[in-house]
Amino acid sequence: MDEDDGHMENGVHAARDSDRQQRLRLCVLNEMLNTERDYVRTLLFLQSAFLHRIRQTADDQQCLSPEHVKILFSNIEDILELHKEVLSAVEASLSLNPSPSIHWDTFSSSL
């Protein structure tokens, strides 16, 4: 085998490794995207099923004091808005460009 064949084999291995790495990155990104979607759905459920209903309940029928409500749900609305923005950015990034390397920047800039 001459030197050119060795370089060609190395190039093929590098391309396979690069393809494999891209596929793995895409799998990780999809998992992160699905996890983010689930988290946003969970926060929306907590907000609508508990926080809004507690706030709508008359003061004399409250089972929790306003202080306890504040402690339990301290910044859930801020967290929800932040994660909605992260989710939107990641979804937009994935729909515009299927290259996994670009998306790491989107995720890291959102964190």
N, C-alpha and C. Protein backbone atom coordinates (compact mmCIF):
# COMPACT_ATOMS: atom_id res chain seq x y z
N MET A 1 0.85 -1.17 0.00
CA MET A 1 0.00 0.00 0.00
C MET A 1 0.90 1.24 0.00
N ASP A 2 0.64 2.14 -0.90
CA ASP A 2 1.46 3.34 -0.94
C ASP A 2 0.85 4.43 -0.06
N GLU A 3 1.54 5.53 0.02
CA GLU A 3 1.13 6.62 0.92
C GLU A 3 -0.24 7.19 0.58
N ASP A 4 -0.57 7.30 -0.72
CA ASP A 4 -1.87 7.84 -1.13
C ASP A 4 -3.02 6.96 -0.66
N ASP A 5 -2.83 5.63 -0.72
CA ASP A 5 -3.87 4.72 -0.24
C ASP A 5 -4.10 4.90 1.26
N GLY A 6 -3.02 5.11 1.99
CA GLY A 6 -3.14 5.32 3.44
C GLY A 6 -3.91 6.58 3.76
N HIS A 7 -3.65 7.64 3.02
CA HIS A 7 -4.38 8.89 3.22
C HIS A 7 -5.85 8.73 2.86
N MET A 8 -6.09 7.96 1.81
CA MET A 8 -7.47 7.74 1.38
C MET A 8 -8.25 6.95 2.43
N GLU A 9 -7.60 5.91 2.98
CA GLU A 9 -8.26 5.12 4.03
C GLU A 9 -8.54 5.98 5.25
N ASN A 10 -7.57 6.80 5.63
CA ASN A 10 -7.77 7.70 6.77
C ASN A 10 -8.92 8.66 6.51
N GLY A 11 -9.03 9.13 5.28
CA GLY A 11 -10.12 10.03 4.91
C GLY A 11 -11.47 9.34 5.00
N VAL A 12 -11.53 8.07 4.58
CA VAL A 12 -12.78 7.31 4.66
C VAL A 12 -13.17 7.08 6.11
N HIS A 13 -12.18 6.71 6.95
CA HIS A 13 -12.46 6.51 8.37
C HIS A 13 -12.90 7.81 9.03
N ALA A 14 -12.24 8.89 8.67
CA ALA A 14 -12.61 10.20 9.24
C ALA A 14 -14.02 10.58 8.81
N ALA A 15 -14.37 10.32 7.56
CA ALA A 15 -15.72 10.64 7.09
C ALA A 15 -16.76 9.79 7.82
N ARG A 16 -16.46 8.50 8.02
CA ARG A 16 -17.39 7.63 8.75
C ARG A 16 -17.56 8.10 10.18
N ASP A 17 -16.41 8.44 10.83
CA ASP A 17 -16.48 8.94 12.20
C ASP A 17 -17.26 10.24 12.26
N SER A 18 -17.05 11.10 11.27
CA SER A 18 -17.77 12.37 11.23
C SER A 18 -19.27 12.14 11.04
N ASP A 19 -19.63 11.23 10.15
CA ASP A 19 -21.05 10.91 9.94
C ASP A 19 -21.66 10.34 11.21
N ARG A 20 -20.93 9.44 11.84
CA ARG A 20 -21.42 8.83 13.09
C ARG A 20 -21.59 9.90 14.17
N GLN A 21 -20.60 10.78 14.26
CA GLN A 21 -20.66 11.86 15.25
C GLN A 21 -21.85 12.78 14.97
N GLN A 22 -22.11 13.08 13.71
CA GLN A 22 -23.25 13.92 13.34
C GLN A 22 -24.57 13.25 13.72
N ARG A 23 -24.66 11.94 13.46
CA ARG A 23 -25.88 11.21 13.81
C ARG A 23 -26.09 11.19 15.32
N LEU A 24 -25.00 10.98 16.07
CA LEU A 24 -25.10 10.99 17.52
C LEU A 24 -25.53 12.36 18.04
N ARG A 25 -24.95 13.40 17.48
CA ARG A 25 -25.34 14.76 17.88
C ARG A 25 -26.82 15.02 17.60
N LEU A 26 -27.27 14.56 16.44
CA LEU A 26 -28.67 14.75 16.08
C LEU A 26 -29.58 13.98 17.05
N CYS A 27 -29.17 12.78 17.44
CA CYS A 27 -29.95 12.01 18.42
C CYS A 27 -30.01 12.74 19.76
N VAL A 28 -28.88 13.28 20.18
CA VAL A 28 -28.84 14.02 21.44
C VAL A 28 -29.72 15.27 21.34
N LEU A 29 -29.62 15.99 20.24
CA LEU A 29 -30.45 17.19 20.05
C LEU A 29 -31.93 16.85 20.05
N ASN A 30 -32.31 15.77 19.40
CA ASN A 30 -33.71 15.37 19.40
C ASN A 30 -34.17 14.99 20.80
N GLU A 31 -33.32 14.33 21.56
CA GLU A 31 -33.67 13.98 22.94
C GLU A 31 -33.82 15.25 23.78
N MET A 32 -32.90 16.19 23.60
CA MET A 32 -33.00 17.46 24.33
C MET A 32 -34.27 18.21 23.94
N LEU A 33 -34.60 18.20 22.67
CA LEU A 33 -35.81 18.86 22.19
C LEU A 33 -37.05 18.22 22.79
N ASN A 34 -37.11 16.90 22.78
CA ASN A 34 -38.27 16.21 23.36
C ASN A 34 -38.37 16.45 24.86
N THR A 35 -37.22 16.46 25.54
CA THR A 35 -37.21 16.73 26.98
C THR A 35 -37.70 18.15 27.26
N GLU A 36 -37.26 19.10 26.46
CA GLU A 36 -37.69 20.50 26.63
C GLU A 36 -39.19 20.63 26.38
N ARG A 37 -39.70 19.96 25.36
CA ARG A 37 -41.15 19.98 25.10
C ARG A 37 -41.93 19.42 26.28
N ASP A 38 -41.46 18.29 26.80
CA ASP A 38 -42.13 17.68 27.96
C ASP A 38 -42.10 18.60 29.17
N TYR A 39 -40.97 19.26 29.38
CA TYR A 39 -40.83 20.16 30.52
C TYR A 39 -41.78 21.35 30.39
N VAL A 40 -41.86 21.93 29.21
CA VAL A 40 -42.78 23.05 28.98
C VAL A 40 -44.22 22.60 29.19
N ARG A 41 -44.57 21.43 28.69
CA ARG A 41 -45.93 20.91 28.91
C ARG A 41 -46.23 20.72 30.39
N THR A 42 -45.25 20.21 31.13
CA THR A 42 -45.42 20.00 32.57
C THR A 42 -45.60 21.34 33.28
N LEU A 43 -44.79 22.32 32.94
CA LEU A 43 -44.93 23.64 33.55
C LEU A 43 -46.29 24.26 33.22
N LEU A 44 -46.73 24.11 31.98
CA LEU A 44 -48.06 24.63 31.60
C LEU A 44 -49.16 23.95 32.41
N PHE A 45 -49.03 22.65 32.60
CA PHE A 45 -50.01 21.92 33.39
C PHE A 45 -50.02 22.42 34.84
N LEU A 46 -48.85 22.56 35.44
CA LEU A 46 -48.77 23.05 36.82
C LEU A 46 -49.38 24.43 36.95
N GLN A 47 -49.09 25.26 35.97
CA GLN A 47 -49.62 26.62 35.99
C GLN A 47 -51.14 26.63 35.88
N SER A 48 -51.67 25.87 34.92
CA SER A 48 -53.12 25.91 34.70
C SER A 48 -53.90 25.09 35.72
N ALA A 49 -53.39 23.93 36.07
CA ALA A 49 -54.14 23.04 36.97
C ALA A 49 -54.06 23.47 38.42
N PHE A 50 -52.99 24.13 38.80
CA PHE A 50 -52.83 24.48 40.20
C PHE A 50 -52.77 25.99 40.45
N LEU A 51 -51.78 26.64 39.88
CA LEU A 51 -51.58 28.06 40.20
C LEU A 51 -52.78 28.91 39.84
N HIS A 52 -53.30 28.80 38.62
CA HIS A 52 -54.44 29.62 38.21
C HIS A 52 -55.68 29.29 39.05
N ARG A 53 -55.89 28.04 39.32
CA ARG A 53 -57.07 27.66 40.12
C ARG A 53 -56.96 28.15 41.55
N ILE A 54 -55.77 28.08 42.11
CA ILE A 54 -55.57 28.59 43.47
C ILE A 54 -55.82 30.09 43.50
N ARG A 55 -55.33 30.80 42.50
CA ARG A 55 -55.52 32.25 42.45
C ARG A 55 -56.99 32.62 42.24
N GLN A 56 -57.75 31.77 41.56
CA GLN A 56 -59.16 32.05 41.30
C GLN A 56 -60.07 31.69 42.48
N THR A 57 -59.56 30.91 43.39
CA THR A 57 -60.36 30.50 44.54
C THR A 57 -60.52 31.68 45.50
N ALA A 58 -61.70 31.83 46.01
CA ALA A 58 -61.97 32.92 46.96
C ALA A 58 -61.06 32.78 48.18
N ASP A 59 -60.68 33.93 48.75
CA ASP A 59 -59.76 33.92 49.88
C ASP A 59 -60.26 33.07 51.05
N ASP A 60 -61.55 33.10 51.31
CA ASP A 60 -62.06 32.34 52.45
C ASP A 60 -62.13 30.83 52.17
N GLN A 61 -61.93 30.43 50.93
CA GLN A 61 -61.95 29.01 50.59
C GLN A 61 -60.55 28.46 50.30
N GLN A 62 -59.56 29.30 50.44
CA GLN A 62 -58.18 28.89 50.15
C GLN A 62 -57.69 27.87 51.18
N CYS A 63 -57.03 26.85 50.68
CA CYS A 63 -56.40 25.88 51.59
C CYS A 63 -54.94 26.26 51.83
N LEU A 64 -54.44 27.20 51.02
CA LEU A 64 -53.07 27.68 51.17
C LEU A 64 -53.08 29.19 51.35
N SER A 65 -52.20 29.65 52.20
CA SER A 65 -52.07 31.10 52.38
C SER A 65 -51.35 31.68 51.17
N PRO A 66 -51.51 32.98 50.92
CA PRO A 66 -50.78 33.61 49.81
C PRO A 66 -49.26 33.42 49.93
N GLU A 67 -48.76 33.39 51.16
CA GLU A 67 -47.32 33.17 51.35
C GLU A 67 -46.90 31.77 50.89
N HIS A 68 -47.74 30.77 51.22
CA HIS A 68 -47.44 29.41 50.80
C HIS A 68 -47.52 29.27 49.27
N VAL A 69 -48.49 29.93 48.68
CA VAL A 69 -48.61 29.90 47.22
C VAL A 69 -47.36 30.51 46.59
N LYS A 70 -46.92 31.62 47.16
CA LYS A 70 -45.71 32.28 46.65
C LYS A 70 -44.49 31.37 46.78
N ILE A 71 -44.39 30.67 47.89
CA ILE A 71 -43.26 29.75 48.09
C ILE A 71 -43.33 28.58 47.10
N LEU A 72 -44.51 28.00 46.97
CA LEU A 72 -44.67 26.83 46.10
C LEU A 72 -44.47 27.15 44.62
N PHE A 73 -44.95 28.30 44.20
CA PHE A 73 -44.92 28.66 42.77
C PHE A 73 -44.08 29.90 42.52
N SER A 74 -43.06 30.11 43.32
CA SER A 74 -42.30 31.36 43.35
C SER A 74 -42.06 32.00 41.99
N ASN A 75 -41.43 31.32 41.09
CA ASN A 75 -41.14 31.94 39.79
C ASN A 75 -41.48 31.01 38.63
N ILE A 76 -42.50 30.21 38.79
CA ILE A 76 -42.87 29.24 37.76
C ILE A 76 -43.22 29.94 36.44
N GLU A 77 -43.83 31.10 36.51
CA GLU A 77 -44.21 31.81 35.28
C GLU A 77 -42.97 32.31 34.53
N ASP A 78 -41.97 32.79 35.27
CA ASP A 78 -40.72 33.23 34.64
C ASP A 78 -39.98 32.04 34.02
N ILE A 79 -39.96 30.94 34.75
CA ILE A 79 -39.30 29.73 34.25
C ILE A 79 -40.00 29.23 33.00
N LEU A 80 -41.32 29.24 33.02
CA LEU A 80 -42.09 28.80 31.86
C LEU A 80 -41.79 29.67 30.64
N GLU A 81 -41.77 30.97 30.81
CA GLU A 81 -41.48 31.86 29.68
C GLU A 81 -40.08 31.62 29.12
N LEU A 82 -39.11 31.45 30.01
CA LEU A 82 -37.75 31.18 29.57
C LEU A 82 -37.69 29.89 28.74
N HIS A 83 -38.33 28.84 29.23
CA HIS A 83 -38.27 27.56 28.54
C HIS A 83 -39.11 27.55 27.26
N LYS A 84 -40.13 28.37 27.19
CA LYS A 84 -40.86 28.52 25.92
C LYS A 84 -39.95 29.15 24.87
N GLU A 85 -39.17 30.14 25.30
CA GLU A 85 -38.23 30.80 24.38
C GLU A 85 -37.15 29.83 23.92
N VAL A 86 -36.61 29.05 24.85
CA VAL A 86 -35.59 28.06 24.50
C VAL A 86 -36.17 27.06 23.51
N LEU A 87 -37.36 26.56 23.81
CA LEU A 87 -38.01 25.58 22.93
C LEU A 87 -38.24 26.16 21.54
N SER A 88 -38.73 27.37 21.47
CA SER A 88 -38.97 28.01 20.17
C SER A 88 -37.68 28.18 19.38
N ALA A 89 -36.62 28.60 20.06
CA ALA A 89 -35.34 28.78 19.39
C ALA A 89 -34.79 27.47 18.85
N VAL A 90 -34.90 26.42 19.65
CA VAL A 90 -34.39 25.12 19.21
C VAL A 90 -35.23 24.56 18.07
N GLU A 91 -36.55 24.67 18.18
CA GLU A 91 -37.42 24.19 17.11
C GLU A 91 -37.15 24.95 15.81
N ALA A 92 -36.99 26.26 15.91
CA ALA A 92 -36.70 27.06 14.72
C ALA A 92 -35.35 26.68 14.12
N SER A 93 -34.38 26.49 14.98
CA SER A 93 -33.05 26.11 14.52
C SER A 93 -33.06 24.76 13.83
N LEU A 94 -33.76 23.79 14.40
CA LEU A 94 -33.82 22.46 13.80
C LEU A 94 -34.59 22.46 12.49
N SER A 95 -35.61 23.29 12.38
CA SER A 95 -36.39 23.30 11.15
C SER A 95 -35.67 24.04 10.02
N LEU A 96 -34.83 25.00 10.36
CA LEU A 96 -34.12 25.77 9.34
C LEU A 96 -32.86 25.08 8.84
N ASN A 97 -32.20 24.36 9.73
CA ASN A 97 -30.92 23.76 9.37
C ASN A 97 -30.78 22.40 10.02
N PRO A 98 -30.73 21.33 9.24
CA PRO A 98 -30.64 20.00 9.82
C PRO A 98 -29.25 19.62 10.32
N SER A 99 -28.26 20.50 10.19
CA SER A 99 -26.91 20.17 10.63
C SER A 99 -26.79 20.27 12.14
N PRO A 100 -26.46 19.17 12.82
CA PRO A 100 -26.39 19.16 14.28
C PRO A 100 -25.37 20.13 14.86
N SER A 101 -24.27 20.40 14.17
CA SER A 101 -23.24 21.25 14.75
C SER A 101 -23.75 22.67 14.98
N ILE A 102 -24.65 23.14 14.16
CA ILE A 102 -25.21 24.49 14.30
C ILE A 102 -26.05 24.59 15.57
N HIS A 103 -26.75 23.53 15.90
CA HIS A 103 -27.71 23.56 17.00
C HIS A 103 -27.08 23.62 18.38
N TRP A 104 -25.86 23.14 18.51
CA TRP A 104 -25.20 23.24 19.80
C TRP A 104 -25.09 24.70 20.21
N ASP A 105 -24.83 25.57 19.24
CA ASP A 105 -24.73 27.00 19.52
C ASP A 105 -26.06 27.54 20.03
N THR A 106 -27.17 27.10 19.44
CA THR A 106 -28.49 27.55 19.86
C THR A 106 -28.75 27.15 21.30
N PHE A 107 -28.47 25.90 21.63
CA PHE A 107 -28.72 25.42 22.98
C PHE A 107 -27.81 26.12 23.98
N SER A 108 -26.53 26.22 23.67
CA SER A 108 -25.61 26.80 24.64
C SER A 108 -25.87 28.29 24.84
N SER A 109 -26.33 29.00 23.82
CA SER A 109 -26.62 30.42 23.99
C SER A 109 -27.89 30.64 24.80
N SER A 110 -28.77 29.64 24.84
CA SER A 110 -30.01 29.76 25.60
C SER A 110 -29.82 29.46 27.08
N LEU A 111 -28.72 28.80 27.39
CA LEU A 111 -28.51 28.38 28.78
C LEU A 111 -27.86 29.43 29.62
